[in-house]
C-alpha atoms as a PDB file:
ATOM      1  CA  GLN A   1       0.000   0.000   0.000  1.00  0.00           C
ATOM      2  CA  VAL A   2       1.309   3.391  -1.008  1.00  0.00           C
ATOM      3  CA  GLN A   3       1.388   5.755   1.941  1.00  0.00           C
ATOM      4  CA  PHE A   4       2.675   9.184   2.734  1.00  0.00           C
ATOM      5  CA  VAL A   5       2.635  10.652   6.218  1.00  0.00           C
ATOM      6  CA  GLU A   6       2.891  14.375   6.865  1.00  0.00           C
ATOM      7  CA  SER A   7       4.135  15.837  10.114  1.00  0.00           C
ATOM      8  CA  GLY A   8       5.412  19.098  11.541  1.00  0.00           C
ATOM      9  CA  GLY A   9       2.250  21.150  11.581  1.00  0.00           C
ATOM     10  CA  GLY A  10       1.185  23.206  14.552  1.00  0.00           C
ATOM     11  CA  LEU A  11       0.211  26.588  15.913  1.00  0.00           C
ATOM     12  CA  VAL A  12       2.687  29.387  15.292  1.00  0.00           C
ATOM     13  CA  GLN A  13       2.690  33.156  15.324  1.00  0.00           C
ATOM     14  CA  ALA A  14       2.893  35.389  12.309  1.00  0.00           C
ATOM     15  CA  GLY A  15       6.493  35.800  11.231  1.00  0.00           C
ATOM     16  CA  ASP A  16       7.529  32.387  12.529  1.00  0.00           C
ATOM     17  CA  SER A  17       8.980  29.549  10.505  1.00  0.00           C
ATOM     18  CA  LEU A  18       7.850  25.953  10.274  1.00  0.00           C
ATOM     19  CA  THR A  19       9.073  22.910   8.411  1.00  0.00           C
ATOM     20  CA  LEU A  20       6.699  20.206   7.309  1.00  0.00           C
ATOM     21  CA  SER A  21       7.798  16.700   6.443  1.00  0.00           C
ATOM     22  CA  CYS A  22       6.184  14.073   4.284  1.00  0.00           C
ATOM     23  CA  ALA A  23       7.621  10.614   4.676  1.00  0.00           C
ATOM     24  CA  ALA A  24       6.992   7.654   2.447  1.00  0.00           C
ATOM     25  CA  ALA A  25       5.746   4.539   4.166  1.00  0.00           C
ATOM     26  CA  GLY A  26       4.710   1.098   3.106  1.00  0.00           C
ATOM     27  CA  SER A  27       5.335   0.174  -0.483  1.00  0.00           C
ATOM     28  CA  SER A  28       5.969   3.813  -1.426  1.00  0.00           C
ATOM     29  CA  VAL A  29       9.389   3.585   0.195  1.00  0.00           C
ATOM     30  CA  ARG A  30      10.646   1.557  -2.754  1.00  0.00           C
ATOM     31  CA  THR A  31       9.370   3.987  -5.364  1.00  0.00           C
ATOM     32  CA  PHE A  32       9.681   7.353  -3.610  1.00  0.00           C
ATOM     33  CA  SER A  33      12.755   8.395  -5.594  1.00  0.00           C
ATOM     34  CA  LEU A  34      10.799   7.914  -8.833  1.00  0.00           C
ATOM     35  CA  TYR A  35       8.021  10.337  -7.882  1.00  0.00           C
ATOM     36  CA  ALA A  36       7.744  14.032  -8.408  1.00  0.00           C
ATOM     37  CA  MET A  37       6.360  15.389  -5.143  1.00  0.00           C
ATOM     38  CA  ALA A  38       4.146  18.354  -4.442  1.00  0.00           C
ATOM     39  CA  TRP A  39       2.614  20.229  -1.574  1.00  0.00           C
ATOM     40  CA  PHE A  40      -0.950  21.471  -1.548  1.00  0.00           C
ATOM     41  CA  ARG A  41      -2.994  23.226   1.092  1.00  0.00           C
ATOM     42  CA  GLN A  42      -6.646  23.718   1.873  1.00  0.00           C
ATOM     43  CA  ALA A  43      -7.865  26.584   3.996  1.00  0.00           C
ATOM     44  CA  PRO A  44     -11.277  26.483   5.706  1.00  0.00           C
ATOM     45  CA  GLY A  45     -14.035  27.045   3.193  1.00  0.00           C
ATOM     46  CA  LYS A  46     -11.653  27.104   0.248  1.00  0.00           C
ATOM     47  CA  GLU A  47     -10.603  24.678  -2.421  1.00  0.00           C
ATOM     48  CA  ARG A  48      -7.350  22.805  -2.205  1.00  0.00           C
ATOM     49  CA  GLU A  49      -4.571  24.781  -3.869  1.00  0.00           C
ATOM     50  CA  PHE A  50      -1.123  24.034  -5.192  1.00  0.00           C
ATOM     51  CA  VAL A  51       1.801  25.288  -3.102  1.00  0.00           C
ATOM     52  CA  GLY A  52       4.845  23.933  -4.885  1.00  0.00           C
ATOM     53  CA  SER A  53       6.536  20.889  -6.338  1.00  0.00           C
ATOM     54  CA  ILE A  54       9.895  19.246  -6.799  1.00  0.00           C
ATOM     55  CA  GLY A  55      11.121  16.789  -9.390  1.00  0.00           C
ATOM     56  CA  PHE A  56      11.996  13.206  -8.581  1.00  0.00           C
ATOM     57  CA  ALA A  57      15.741  13.950  -8.532  1.00  0.00           C
ATOM     58  CA  GLY A  58      15.420  17.176  -6.571  1.00  0.00           C
ATOM     59  CA  GLY A  59      15.322  19.782  -9.319  1.00  0.00           C
ATOM     60  CA  HIS A  60      12.494  21.234 -11.374  1.00  0.00           C
ATOM     61  CA  PHE A  61      11.012  23.415  -8.682  1.00  0.00           C
ATOM     62  CA  TYR A  62       7.689  25.147  -9.136  1.00  0.00           C
ATOM     63  CA  TYR A  63       6.028  27.438  -6.622  1.00  0.00           C
ATOM     64  CA  ALA A  64       2.669  29.133  -6.488  1.00  0.00           C
ATOM     65  CA  GLU A  65       2.821  32.895  -6.127  1.00  0.00           C
ATOM     66  CA  PRO A  66       1.955  32.949  -2.378  1.00  0.00           C
ATOM     67  CA  ALA A  67       4.885  30.596  -1.734  1.00  0.00           C
ATOM     68  CA  LYS A  68       7.545  32.293  -3.805  1.00  0.00           C
ATOM     69  CA  GLY A  69      10.307  33.799  -1.712  1.00  0.00           C
ATOM     70  CA  ARG A  70       8.972  32.365   1.549  1.00  0.00           C
ATOM     71  CA  PHE A  71       8.625  28.595   1.050  1.00  0.00           C
ATOM     72  CA  THR A  72      11.265  26.107  -0.012  1.00  0.00           C
ATOM     73  CA  ILE A  73      10.711  22.506  -1.015  1.00  0.00           C
ATOM     74  CA  SER A  74      13.457  19.936  -0.685  1.00  0.00           C
ATOM     75  CA  ARG A  75      13.715  16.193  -0.602  1.00  0.00           C
ATOM     76  CA  ASP A  76      15.972  13.469   0.731  1.00  0.00           C
ATOM     77  CA  ASN A  77      15.667  10.326  -1.350  1.00  0.00           C
ATOM     78  CA  VAL A  78      17.702   8.356   1.171  1.00  0.00           C
ATOM     79  CA  LYS A  79      15.246   9.205   3.941  1.00  0.00           C
ATOM     80  CA  ASN A  80      12.314   8.980   1.513  1.00  0.00           C
ATOM     81  CA  THR A  81      11.074  12.330   2.740  1.00  0.00           C
ATOM     82  CA  VAL A  82      10.064  15.617   1.177  1.00  0.00           C
ATOM     83  CA  TYR A  83      10.087  18.856   3.148  1.00  0.00           C
ATOM     84  CA  LEU A  84       8.333  22.187   3.020  1.00  0.00           C
ATOM     85  CA  GLN A  85      10.262  24.939   4.767  1.00  0.00           C
ATOM     86  CA  MET A  86       7.958  27.879   5.423  1.00  0.00           C
ATOM     87  CA  ASN A  87       9.325  31.224   6.546  1.00  0.00           C
ATOM     88  CA  ASN A  88       7.687  34.485   7.510  1.00  0.00           C
ATOM     89  CA  LEU A  89       4.325  32.834   7.959  1.00  0.00           C
ATOM     90  CA  ILE A  90       1.179  34.926   7.746  1.00  0.00           C
ATOM     91  CA  ALA A  91      -2.392  34.257   8.850  1.00  0.00           C
ATOM     92  CA  GLU A  92      -3.373  33.478   5.271  1.00  0.00           C
ATOM     93  CA  ASP A  93      -1.059  30.451   5.372  1.00  0.00           C
ATOM     94  CA  THR A  94      -3.418  28.779   7.831  1.00  0.00           C
ATOM     95  CA  ALA A  95      -4.563  25.552   6.191  1.00  0.00           C
ATOM     96  CA  VAL A  96      -4.263  21.806   6.156  1.00  0.00           C
ATOM     97  CA  TYR A  97      -1.141  20.978   4.189  1.00  0.00           C
ATOM     98  CA  TYR A  98      -0.969  17.842   2.071  1.00  0.00           C
ATOM     99  CA  CYS A  99       1.824  16.178   0.188  1.00  0.00           C
ATOM    100  CA  ALA A 100       1.070  14.502  -3.085  1.00  0.00           C
ATOM    101  CA  ALA A 101       3.108  12.050  -5.079  1.00  0.00           C
ATOM    102  CA  ASN A 102       3.282  11.180  -8.739  1.00  0.00           C
ATOM    103  CA  PHE A 103       1.220  14.125  -9.992  1.00  0.00           C
ATOM    104  CA  GLY A 104      -1.537  13.682  -7.444  1.00  0.00           C
ATOM    105  CA  ARG A 105      -1.950   9.962  -7.703  1.00  0.00           C
ATOM    106  CA  TYR A 106      -1.129   9.473  -4.021  1.00  0.00           C
ATOM    107  CA  TRP A 107      -1.883  11.774  -1.092  1.00  0.00           C
ATOM    108  CA  GLY A 108      -0.974  12.065   2.538  1.00  0.00           C
ATOM    109  CA  GLN A 109      -3.545  12.611   5.256  1.00  0.00           C
ATOM    110  CA  GLY A 110      -2.602  16.237   5.848  1.00  0.00           C
ATOM    111  CA  THR A 111      -1.176  18.249   8.712  1.00  0.00           C
ATOM    112  CA  GLN A 112      -2.739  21.378  10.176  1.00  0.00           C
ATOM    113  CA  VAL A 113      -0.855  24.656  10.182  1.00  0.00           C
ATOM    114  CA  THR A 114      -2.387  27.535  12.094  1.00  0.00           C
ATOM    115  CA  VAL A 115      -0.809  30.975  12.053  1.00  0.00           C
ATOM    116  CA  SER A 116      -2.017  33.457  14.653  1.00  0.00           C
ATOM    117  CA  SER A 117      -1.717  37.122  13.828  1.00  0.00           C
END
């Protein structure tokens, strides 16, 4: 079974930094290095939106406008983990953050990020 598990969410203040992790588990451990990975988020009452992505080998970065200059995606194919480093957080970043693998074929369960202003 392909699984991805996010962690690292929490309650922070505006201006703080937070790093989310998404670790492959189960059968996805064997194929993690073959997947492009992405982060999405869904705020209350809003549709899920793209945050950014990274290619299977670590290049080919893409970021949505709200993430540019503040968020950085990285991955460690030895640890089978992708990261989302978020700096200078604002209240509008409050959402459930999801990782997605292989162009949205597989999803994690999400981790809540709440930014108090």
